[in-house]
Amino acid sequence: MRHGWRYAMLGATLLAGANMPAAQADSTDPLAGAPGLGDPYYPLDGNGGYQADHYDVTVSYDPPTRQLIGSTRIDATATQAMHAFNLDYDGPQISKVTVNNLPAAFDRNGDHELTITPLLPLLPGLPFTVAVQYAGPVNSSDDSGWNFSPSGGAFVAGEPHSASSWYPLNDSPLNKATFTLHASVPQEWEVMSNGIKVDDTVQNGTRTVDWDMRQPVAGYLTTIAIDKFQFLEQQRANGTQLLSAFAPDALKAKDIEARLPEILDFQEQLYGPYPFDVAGGIFVDTDLQFSLETQSRPIYAPWTDLDTVVHEVTHQWWGDSMSVQHWSDICLNECFASYTADYLWPERKDGKDVDAQYRETVAKYHDDPKFWQISLQNPGVGQEFTSVYYRGPLFLHALRRTMGDDAFFPAVRDFVMGHKYGNASMPEFRQFMQTRTPQDLNGFFAAWLDRTDRPGDEFLYPGSLHS
């Protein structure tokens, strides 16, 4: 809905929106969208007052100069009346913002807040469109945005933050949206991203590639990767197209990625049908300290092995299709990805005795208080990516042996499929698993998830794990 009659009177005063001050979103102002969604670890991540439905991002990137020119359109729906609202953004300089095609005032404040004051107030329940234009150099980040490749290429990766380094968004797993990318680079470069490659054309020395992620995605799971890639195209028996890309010094990983159809078949047996249209991977040759489950097409560091690929593919169910409600729920993502890669794959593919593996690990760290001191239920800000990797698999294996395979595996499959394209929390998981067994799991969950010391022997050695 547009109000052209007001534009005639007021448009001249806001024509250069960047020159007009924008009201900073105030949580005490009932007509301003909240500057954050109250995550216990990152309270200013995300924004209140609206739901982003779709991002349409258009960028051009020049590898030699690292210059980015961008324009992002956000289709959203207001959930309250607003005269101001926020986006999360910490990328290059902004030149223009419009709301419903009318110039809007804006202000950048805090670490990543972009406060926008539209010409006309937004009404609850009605759709609106925001467009932001920006340009400038991009900067490298260790774990939350742009990374540069030896070839001169670049890619975006980081958790829990990265997307705001290259486009404005409502940056919270609670606001998942569909995503389209139109990326232009010099013709000798290639572009990878999420979802389906819709178009790839070269004209007048410029390559333009269009990508479309048609299932909802959390911001940190979107990416752009620019390099002189070589490709591996595969197809699953059910027709799912697989496209993977390899940076110049990452070609040795092709043999591992060739097993992707087998890995997807394995995961489907555990967790239900693969939740996205396509799959693949982006293998970089940058000195990256992590791999990341970017949706439908994970980014893999040079040290990637088969275990890493199984781990990141597991995340397509646990973390991507089903996302956390808060970052304190991170065990839903990492505990399952680690358990699947470290226990279930070796057990089912290689015949490994994972009970023995469990007992050996517990014996090794039995009397080490540091191993047990970070809880799984709420590891704490800055400690999200610690105990979930090394204690998480033990917790899930003990839960499996407590419930028995006939209860455990259908339950976890039903839980993740029941939250497809949505969000879930650890308290929900605990309650759901309790409904699938007559055993009282309260003591077990408290010992494994809440406490910061070693679980008692009755919870540490259940079932066939009994020492």
Protein backbone atom coordinates (compact mmCIF):
# COMPACT_ATOMS: atom_id res chain seq x y z
CA MET A 1 0.00 0.00 0.00
CA ARG A 2 1.41 3.39 -1.01
CA HIS A 3 0.41 6.89 -0.09
CA GLY A 4 1.49 9.04 -3.02
CA TRP A 5 -0.48 12.00 -1.82
CA ARG A 6 1.72 12.38 1.23
CA TYR A 7 4.85 11.88 -0.82
CA ALA A 8 4.01 15.07 -2.76
CA MET A 9 4.00 17.10 0.46
CA LEU A 10 6.78 15.46 2.44
CA GLY A 11 9.01 13.76 -0.10
CA ALA A 12 11.15 16.82 -0.76
CA THR A 13 12.17 17.06 2.87
CA LEU A 14 13.36 13.43 2.93
CA LEU A 15 14.73 13.14 -0.58
CA ALA A 16 18.25 12.81 0.78
CA GLY A 17 17.31 10.40 3.55
CA ALA A 18 20.89 10.00 4.72
CA ASN A 19 20.92 13.63 5.74
CA MET A 20 17.90 13.29 8.00
CA PRO A 21 18.33 11.93 11.52
CA ALA A 22 16.50 8.70 12.28
CA ALA A 23 15.02 7.98 15.66
CA GLN A 24 17.03 5.22 17.32
CA ALA A 25 14.74 2.31 18.09
CA ASP A 26 13.81 2.48 21.76
CA SER A 27 12.47 -0.55 23.59
CA THR A 28 10.35 1.78 25.72
CA ASP A 29 8.72 3.35 22.66
CA PRO A 30 5.60 1.32 21.77
CA LEU A 31 5.80 2.52 18.16
CA ALA A 32 9.43 1.51 17.62
CA GLY A 33 10.43 -2.05 16.82
CA ALA A 34 12.71 -3.44 19.52
CA PRO A 35 16.44 -3.26 18.68
CA GLY A 36 16.87 -6.92 19.64
CA LEU A 37 14.90 -10.10 20.25
CA GLY A 38 16.30 -10.78 23.71
CA ASP A 39 18.49 -13.81 23.05
CA PRO A 40 20.11 -14.61 26.42
CA TYR A 41 23.58 -14.53 24.85
CA TYR A 42 23.13 -11.91 22.13
CA PRO A 43 20.19 -9.72 23.24
CA LEU A 44 20.58 -7.20 20.40
CA ASP A 45 20.59 -9.79 17.63
CA GLY A 46 17.44 -9.63 15.56
CA ASN A 47 14.79 -6.94 15.76
CA GLY A 48 11.20 -6.65 16.89
CA GLY A 49 8.13 -5.24 15.20
CA TYR A 50 8.25 -7.18 11.95
CA GLN A 51 8.97 -10.51 10.29
CA ALA A 52 11.30 -10.58 7.28
CA ASP A 53 9.83 -12.90 4.65
CA HIS A 54 12.31 -12.69 1.76
CA TYR A 55 15.72 -11.17 1.01
CA ASP A 56 16.65 -10.24 -2.55
CA VAL A 57 20.36 -9.34 -2.52
CA THR A 58 22.15 -7.88 -5.54
CA VAL A 59 25.92 -7.39 -5.28
CA SER A 60 28.90 -6.81 -7.50
CA TYR A 61 32.33 -7.66 -6.14
CA ASP A 62 35.75 -6.84 -7.54
CA PRO A 63 38.38 -9.25 -6.13
CA PRO A 64 41.48 -7.09 -6.78
CA THR A 65 40.10 -4.07 -4.90
CA ARG A 66 37.72 -5.92 -2.53
CA GLN A 67 35.04 -3.39 -3.41
CA LEU A 68 31.43 -4.41 -2.89
CA ILE A 69 28.42 -2.62 -4.37
CA GLY A 70 25.16 -3.88 -2.96
CA SER A 71 21.43 -3.39 -3.02
CA THR A 72 19.17 -5.45 -0.77
CA ARG A 73 15.39 -5.58 -0.91
CA ILE A 74 13.60 -7.01 2.11
CA ASP A 75 9.98 -8.07 1.90
CA ALA A 76 8.56 -8.05 5.41
CA THR A 77 5.35 -7.96 7.41
CA ALA A 78 4.79 -5.59 10.31
CA THR A 79 3.70 -7.26 13.55
CA GLN A 80 2.95 -3.94 15.26
CA ALA A 81 2.41 -0.28 14.40
CA MET A 82 5.85 1.33 13.89
CA HIS A 83 7.32 4.71 13.11
CA ALA A 84 10.86 3.27 13.39
CA PHE A 85 12.48 -0.15 13.19
CA ASN A 86 15.91 -1.75 13.05
CA LEU A 87 17.89 -4.00 10.77
CA ASP A 88 21.20 -5.66 11.66
CA TYR A 89 24.03 -4.41 9.45
CA ASP A 90 27.76 -3.74 9.79
CA GLY A 91 28.79 -3.70 6.13
CA PRO A 92 29.99 -0.93 3.78
CA GLN A 93 28.65 2.61 3.77
CA ILE A 94 24.96 3.12 3.02
CA SER A 95 23.91 5.66 0.40
CA LYS A 96 20.12 5.29 0.37
CA VAL A 97 17.21 3.61 2.16
CA THR A 98 13.61 3.43 1.01
CA VAL A 99 10.52 1.96 2.61
CA ASN A 100 7.65 1.14 0.27
CA ASN A 101 9.57 3.02 -2.46
CA LEU A 102 9.61 6.24 -0.41
CA PRO A 103 12.88 7.72 0.90
CA ALA A 104 13.48 6.91 4.56
CA ALA A 105 15.78 8.36 7.18
CA PHE A 106 18.37 6.05 8.69
CA ASP A 107 21.00 5.96 11.41
CA ARG A 108 23.77 3.45 12.12
CA ASN A 109 24.36 2.91 15.84
CA GLY A 110 25.69 0.29 18.23
CA ASP A 111 27.69 -2.64 16.91
CA HIS A 112 25.36 -3.54 14.07
CA GLU A 113 22.14 -1.55 14.34
CA LEU A 114 20.60 0.22 11.37
CA THR A 115 17.61 2.26 12.56
CA ILE A 116 15.17 3.26 9.85
CA THR A 117 12.43 5.88 10.08
CA PRO A 118 9.96 5.46 7.22
CA LEU A 119 8.14 8.40 5.71
CA LEU A 120 4.81 6.88 6.73
CA PRO A 121 4.15 4.71 9.79
CA LEU A 122 3.84 0.98 9.22
CA LEU A 123 0.61 -0.74 10.23
CA PRO A 124 0.36 -4.14 11.94
CA GLY A 125 -0.38 -7.11 9.74
CA LEU A 126 0.49 -5.32 6.50
CA PRO A 127 3.42 -6.14 4.19
CA PHE A 128 6.13 -3.58 3.49
CA THR A 129 9.35 -3.45 1.49
CA VAL A 130 12.72 -2.01 2.54
CA ALA A 131 15.50 -1.32 0.04
CA VAL A 132 19.06 -0.46 1.11
CA GLN A 133 21.88 0.61 -1.19
CA TYR A 134 25.50 0.48 -0.06
CA ALA A 135 29.06 0.36 -1.39
CA GLY A 136 32.65 0.22 -0.21
CA PRO A 137 35.51 -2.10 0.67
CA VAL A 138 34.89 -5.23 2.73
CA ASN A 139 37.14 -6.18 5.62
CA SER A 140 38.43 -9.54 6.75
CA SER A 141 37.12 -11.15 9.91
CA ASP A 142 38.39 -14.14 11.88
CA ASP A 143 34.99 -15.69 12.50
CA SER A 144 32.13 -13.37 11.61
CA GLY A 145 32.13 -12.31 7.99
CA TRP A 146 34.47 -11.92 5.05
CA ASN A 147 37.46 -14.19 4.52
CA PHE A 148 39.96 -13.87 1.67
CA SER A 149 41.42 -16.68 -0.40
CA PRO A 150 45.00 -17.18 -1.66
CA SER A 151 43.75 -16.74 -5.23
CA GLY A 152 42.36 -13.31 -4.38
CA GLY A 153 38.80 -14.57 -4.04
CA ALA A 154 36.59 -14.15 -0.99
CA PHE A 155 33.78 -15.83 0.91
CA VAL A 156 31.51 -15.09 3.87
CA ALA A 157 31.28 -17.46 6.83
CA GLY A 158 30.74 -17.14 10.55
CA GLU A 159 28.56 -18.29 13.43
CA PRO A 160 26.54 -16.84 15.06
CA HIS A 161 27.17 -13.74 12.93
CA SER A 162 28.28 -13.16 9.34
CA ALA A 163 25.37 -12.09 7.15
CA SER A 164 25.28 -8.51 8.45
CA SER A 165 28.75 -7.98 6.97
CA TRP A 166 27.31 -8.04 3.44
CA TYR A 167 23.58 -7.33 3.59
CA PRO A 168 21.09 -5.86 6.11
CA LEU A 169 18.71 -8.32 7.76
CA ASN A 170 16.77 -9.36 10.82
CA ASP A 171 19.68 -11.41 12.12
CA SER A 172 18.15 -14.04 14.36
CA PRO A 173 17.45 -17.76 13.88
CA LEU A 174 13.92 -16.86 15.00
CA ASN A 175 13.41 -14.96 11.73
CA LYS A 176 14.13 -17.35 8.88
CA ALA A 177 13.28 -16.18 5.37
CA THR A 178 13.73 -17.22 1.76
CA PHE A 179 16.79 -15.79 0.02
CA THR A 180 17.78 -14.80 -3.51
CA LEU A 181 21.23 -13.64 -4.63
CA HIS A 182 22.27 -11.90 -7.86
CA ALA A 183 26.07 -11.62 -7.88
CA SER A 184 28.30 -10.03 -10.53
CA VAL A 185 32.08 -10.54 -10.75
CA PRO A 186 34.75 -10.31 -13.45
CA GLN A 187 34.14 -13.13 -15.93
CA GLU A 188 37.15 -15.22 -14.92
CA TRP A 189 35.69 -15.69 -11.41
CA GLU A 190 32.91 -18.03 -10.25
CA VAL A 191 30.25 -17.46 -7.60
CA MET A 192 28.74 -20.03 -5.22
CA SER A 193 25.88 -19.59 -2.80
CA ASN A 194 22.88 -21.36 -1.27
CA GLY A 195 20.16 -23.25 -3.08
CA ILE A 196 19.54 -23.56 -6.79
CA LYS A 197 21.75 -21.92 -9.41
CA VAL A 198 19.11 -20.22 -11.53
CA ASP A 199 21.33 -18.48 -14.08
CA ASP A 200 24.99 -18.00 -14.98
CA THR A 201 25.72 -15.61 -17.83
CA VAL A 202 28.74 -13.69 -19.10
CA GLN A 203 28.33 -10.39 -20.88
CA ASN A 204 30.84 -7.62 -21.59
CA GLY A 205 33.47 -9.19 -19.34
CA THR A 206 31.14 -9.64 -16.36
CA ARG A 207 29.74 -12.89 -14.99
CA THR A 208 26.36 -12.68 -13.26
CA VAL A 209 25.12 -15.66 -11.26
CA ASP A 210 21.66 -15.95 -9.70
CA TRP A 211 20.96 -18.24 -6.74
CA ASP A 212 17.66 -19.07 -5.07
CA MET A 213 17.18 -20.59 -1.59
CA ARG A 214 13.49 -21.48 -1.63
CA GLN A 215 13.25 -22.89 1.89
CA PRO A 216 13.58 -20.49 4.84
CA VAL A 217 17.12 -19.89 6.05
CA ALA A 218 18.68 -18.18 9.07
CA GLY A 219 21.02 -15.32 8.18
CA TYR A 220 24.28 -16.88 9.35
CA LEU A 221 23.57 -19.86 7.09
CA THR A 222 23.63 -17.75 3.91
CA THR A 223 26.88 -17.24 2.04
CA ILE A 224 28.60 -15.92 -1.04
CA ALA A 225 31.86 -17.48 -2.21
CA ILE A 226 33.95 -16.08 -5.07
CA ASP A 227 36.94 -17.97 -6.43
CA LYS A 228 38.36 -19.70 -9.50
CA PHE A 229 36.44 -22.82 -8.63
CA GLN A 230 36.40 -26.23 -10.23
CA PHE A 231 33.14 -28.12 -9.91
CA LEU A 232 31.81 -31.58 -9.12
CA GLU A 233 28.28 -32.27 -10.32
CA GLN A 234 26.48 -35.35 -9.03
CA GLN A 235 22.92 -36.61 -8.82
CA ARG A 236 21.23 -38.75 -6.20
CA ALA A 237 19.14 -41.74 -7.19
CA ASN A 238 16.01 -39.72 -6.41
CA GLY A 239 17.09 -36.97 -8.81
CA THR A 240 18.39 -34.41 -6.28
CA GLN A 241 21.09 -32.33 -7.96
CA LEU A 242 24.41 -31.98 -6.14
CA LEU A 243 26.82 -29.19 -7.02
CA SER A 244 30.12 -28.75 -5.18
CA ALA A 245 32.93 -26.26 -5.78
CA PHE A 246 36.65 -26.51 -5.04
CA ALA A 247 39.10 -23.65 -4.72
CA PRO A 248 42.40 -24.11 -6.61
CA ASP A 249 44.24 -25.79 -3.71
CA ALA A 250 41.24 -27.76 -2.41
CA LEU A 251 40.90 -30.30 -5.22
CA LYS A 252 42.12 -33.17 -3.05
CA ALA A 253 38.74 -33.08 -1.29
CA LYS A 254 36.90 -34.22 -4.41
CA ASP A 255 37.21 -37.88 -3.42
CA ILE A 256 35.51 -37.18 -0.08
CA GLU A 257 32.74 -35.09 -1.62
CA ALA A 258 32.11 -37.83 -4.18
CA ARG A 259 30.58 -39.77 -1.26
CA LEU A 260 27.91 -37.10 -0.69
CA PRO A 261 25.09 -39.21 -2.20
CA GLU A 262 25.99 -42.03 0.20
CA ILE A 263 26.13 -39.61 3.15
CA LEU A 264 22.72 -38.13 2.32
CA ASP A 265 21.20 -41.61 2.03
CA PHE A 266 22.65 -42.46 5.44
CA GLN A 267 21.27 -39.29 7.03
CA GLU A 268 17.81 -39.83 5.54
CA GLN A 269 17.62 -43.24 7.18
CA LEU A 270 18.20 -41.54 10.53
CA TYR A 271 16.38 -38.23 10.27
CA GLY A 272 13.90 -38.33 7.41
CA PRO A 273 13.88 -36.88 3.89
CA TYR A 274 16.56 -34.35 2.99
CA PRO A 275 14.88 -30.97 3.58
CA PHE A 276 16.24 -28.89 0.67
CA ASP A 277 16.03 -28.83 -3.13
CA VAL A 278 19.74 -29.32 -3.78
CA ALA A 279 22.94 -30.14 -1.93
CA GLY A 280 26.69 -29.78 -2.29
CA GLY A 281 29.69 -28.14 -0.68
CA ILE A 282 32.11 -25.23 -1.03
CA PHE A 283 35.71 -26.28 -0.38
CA VAL A 284 37.99 -23.33 0.28
CA ASP A 285 41.78 -23.22 0.50
CA THR A 286 41.98 -20.38 3.02
CA ASP A 287 43.52 -21.02 6.43
CA LEU A 288 40.10 -21.30 8.07
CA GLN A 289 39.70 -22.55 11.62
CA PHE A 290 36.19 -23.92 11.15
CA SER A 291 33.81 -25.45 8.62
CA LEU A 292 30.25 -24.19 8.57
CA GLU A 293 26.90 -25.74 7.68
CA THR A 294 25.79 -22.99 5.30
CA GLN A 295 22.37 -24.15 4.15
CA SER A 296 22.34 -26.73 1.35
CA ARG A 297 26.03 -26.12 0.64
CA PRO A 298 28.44 -26.15 3.62
CA ILE A 299 31.75 -24.30 3.56
CA TYR A 300 34.66 -26.67 4.23
CA ALA A 301 38.10 -25.69 5.51
CA PRO A 302 41.28 -27.22 4.00
CA TRP A 303 41.59 -29.75 6.83
CA THR A 304 38.18 -31.27 6.03
CA ASP A 305 37.93 -35.05 6.25
CA LEU A 306 35.03 -37.48 5.89
CA ASP A 307 34.04 -36.96 9.53
CA THR A 308 33.72 -33.21 8.87
CA VAL A 309 31.48 -33.71 5.85
CA VAL A 310 29.20 -36.10 7.76
CA HIS A 311 29.08 -33.56 10.61
CA GLU A 312 28.10 -30.62 8.39
CA VAL A 313 25.60 -32.63 6.39
CA THR A 314 23.91 -33.67 9.66
CA HIS A 315 23.42 -29.97 10.33
CA GLN A 316 21.17 -29.70 7.30
CA TRP A 317 18.58 -31.34 9.57
CA TRP A 318 19.90 -30.32 13.01
CA GLY A 319 20.58 -26.59 12.79
CA ASP A 320 19.44 -25.59 9.30
CA SER A 321 15.98 -27.01 8.61
CA MET A 322 15.33 -27.07 12.37
CA SER A 323 17.07 -24.10 13.97
CA VAL A 324 17.62 -23.14 17.57
CA GLN A 325 15.27 -20.76 19.34
CA HIS A 326 18.15 -19.26 21.32
CA TRP A 327 21.89 -19.75 21.13
CA SER A 328 21.75 -21.45 24.53
CA ASP A 329 20.01 -24.33 22.69
CA ILE A 330 23.15 -25.00 20.63
CA CYS A 331 23.34 -28.64 21.78
CA LEU A 332 20.48 -29.40 19.40
CA ASN A 333 22.83 -28.48 16.56
CA GLU A 334 26.26 -29.59 17.65
CA CYS A 335 25.50 -32.54 19.91
CA PHE A 336 23.63 -34.28 17.12
CA ALA A 337 26.10 -33.39 14.37
CA SER A 338 28.99 -34.66 16.49
CA TYR A 339 27.18 -37.80 17.59
CA THR A 340 26.20 -38.68 14.04
CA ALA A 341 29.72 -38.20 12.67
CA ASP A 342 31.68 -39.60 15.61
CA TYR A 343 29.43 -42.51 16.64
CA LEU A 344 26.65 -43.40 14.22
CA TRP A 345 28.63 -43.32 10.98
CA PRO A 346 31.56 -45.40 12.37
CA GLU A 347 29.11 -47.84 13.96
CA ARG A 348 26.88 -48.40 10.94
CA LYS A 349 29.44 -48.01 8.16
CA ASP A 350 32.58 -49.45 9.71
CA GLY A 351 31.21 -51.79 12.38
CA LYS A 352 32.94 -49.93 15.19
CA ASP A 353 32.10 -50.85 18.81
CA VAL A 354 30.83 -47.45 19.92
CA ASP A 355 29.98 -48.68 23.41
CA ALA A 356 33.69 -49.38 23.86
CA GLN A 357 34.49 -45.98 22.38
CA TYR A 358 32.13 -44.35 24.87
CA ARG A 359 33.59 -46.20 27.87
CA GLU A 360 37.15 -45.36 26.81
CA THR A 361 36.30 -41.65 26.53
CA VAL A 362 34.54 -41.59 29.89
CA ALA A 363 37.45 -43.40 31.53
CA LYS A 364 39.91 -40.93 30.04
CA TYR A 365 38.10 -37.89 31.43
CA HIS A 366 36.38 -39.49 34.43
CA ASP A 367 38.38 -37.53 36.99
CA ASP A 368 39.01 -34.39 34.94
CA PRO A 369 36.70 -31.66 36.33
CA LYS A 370 37.43 -29.35 33.40
CA PHE A 371 35.87 -31.84 31.00
CA TRP A 372 32.54 -31.63 32.83
CA GLN A 373 32.46 -28.01 33.97
CA ILE A 374 30.61 -26.44 31.00
CA SER A 375 26.97 -27.49 30.93
CA LEU A 376 25.27 -28.66 27.77
CA GLN A 377 21.89 -27.07 28.45
CA ASN A 378 23.30 -23.57 28.89
CA PRO A 379 27.05 -23.40 28.17
CA GLY A 380 27.18 -19.59 28.47
CA VAL A 381 27.98 -16.77 26.10
CA GLY A 382 31.33 -17.31 24.40
CA GLN A 383 31.30 -20.98 25.40
CA GLU A 384 28.59 -22.20 23.01
CA PHE A 385 31.06 -24.06 20.84
CA THR A 386 32.91 -26.04 23.51
CA SER A 387 31.32 -28.86 25.51
CA VAL A 388 28.70 -29.58 22.84
CA TYR A 389 31.44 -31.17 20.70
CA TYR A 390 33.13 -33.39 23.27
CA ARG A 391 30.39 -34.02 25.86
CA GLY A 392 27.46 -33.85 23.46
CA PRO A 393 28.09 -37.24 21.80
CA LEU A 394 28.46 -38.88 25.21
CA PHE A 395 25.15 -37.43 26.35
CA LEU A 396 23.28 -38.68 23.30
CA HIS A 397 24.85 -42.13 23.45
CA ALA A 398 23.90 -42.44 27.12
CA LEU A 399 20.36 -41.26 26.29
CA ARG A 400 20.16 -43.83 23.51
CA ARG A 401 21.26 -46.63 25.85
CA THR A 402 18.79 -45.41 28.49
CA MET A 403 15.80 -45.37 26.12
CA GLY A 404 16.84 -48.20 23.81
CA ASP A 405 17.24 -47.98 20.05
CA ASP A 406 13.58 -48.77 19.33
CA ALA A 407 12.49 -45.65 21.21
CA PHE A 408 15.47 -43.34 20.68
CA PHE A 409 15.82 -43.34 16.89
CA PRO A 410 12.13 -42.86 15.97
CA ALA A 411 11.90 -40.13 18.62
CA VAL A 412 14.79 -38.05 17.34
CA ARG A 413 13.60 -38.45 13.76
CA ASP A 414 10.09 -37.33 14.70
CA PHE A 415 11.42 -34.39 16.69
CA VAL A 416 13.57 -32.94 13.93
CA MET A 417 10.97 -33.58 11.23
CA GLY A 418 8.27 -32.07 13.43
CA HIS A 419 10.23 -28.79 13.52
CA LYS A 420 11.05 -28.73 9.80
CA TYR A 421 11.74 -25.14 8.63
CA GLY A 422 11.09 -23.91 12.16
CA ASN A 423 12.81 -23.60 15.53
CA ALA A 424 13.19 -25.74 18.62
CA SER A 425 14.67 -25.52 22.10
CA MET A 426 16.42 -27.88 24.47
CA PRO A 427 13.52 -27.74 26.99
CA GLU A 428 11.20 -28.83 24.16
CA PHE A 429 13.56 -31.68 23.29
CA ARG A 430 13.64 -32.89 26.89
CA GLN A 431 9.86 -32.84 27.17
CA PHE A 432 9.40 -34.60 23.83
CA MET A 433 11.84 -37.40 24.59
CA GLN A 434 10.11 -38.00 27.91
CA THR A 435 6.86 -38.68 26.02
CA ARG A 436 8.57 -41.53 24.14
CA THR A 437 9.59 -43.65 27.12
CA PRO A 438 7.94 -44.81 30.35
CA GLN A 439 11.22 -44.22 32.17
CA ASP A 440 11.56 -41.04 34.22
CA LEU A 441 14.27 -39.04 32.42
CA ASN A 442 14.28 -36.04 34.77
CA GLY A 443 17.28 -37.19 36.75
CA PHE A 444 19.16 -38.26 33.62
CA PHE A 445 18.62 -34.89 31.88
CA ALA A 446 19.52 -32.92 34.98
CA ALA A 447 22.76 -34.89 35.42
CA TRP A 448 23.84 -34.62 31.79
CA LEU A 449 22.50 -31.24 30.75
CA ASP A 450 22.23 -29.00 33.80
CA ARG A 451 25.05 -29.98 36.10
CA THR A 452 28.69 -28.94 35.75
CA ASP A 453 30.21 -32.08 37.20
CA ARG A 454 30.37 -35.71 36.10
CA PRO A 455 27.01 -37.53 36.02
CA GLY A 456 26.49 -40.21 38.64
CA ASP A 457 27.23 -43.77 37.63
CA GLU A 458 23.53 -44.65 37.17
CA PHE A 459 23.35 -42.02 34.41
CA LEU A 460 26.90 -42.45 33.15
CA TYR A 461 26.61 -46.22 32.53
CA PRO A 462 23.01 -47.01 31.56
CA GLY A 463 22.00 -50.18 29.74
CA SER A 464 24.80 -51.88 27.84
CA LEU A 465 27.21 -49.16 29.02
CA HIS A 466 27.13 -50.56 32.58
CA SER A 467 30.71 -50.86 33.74
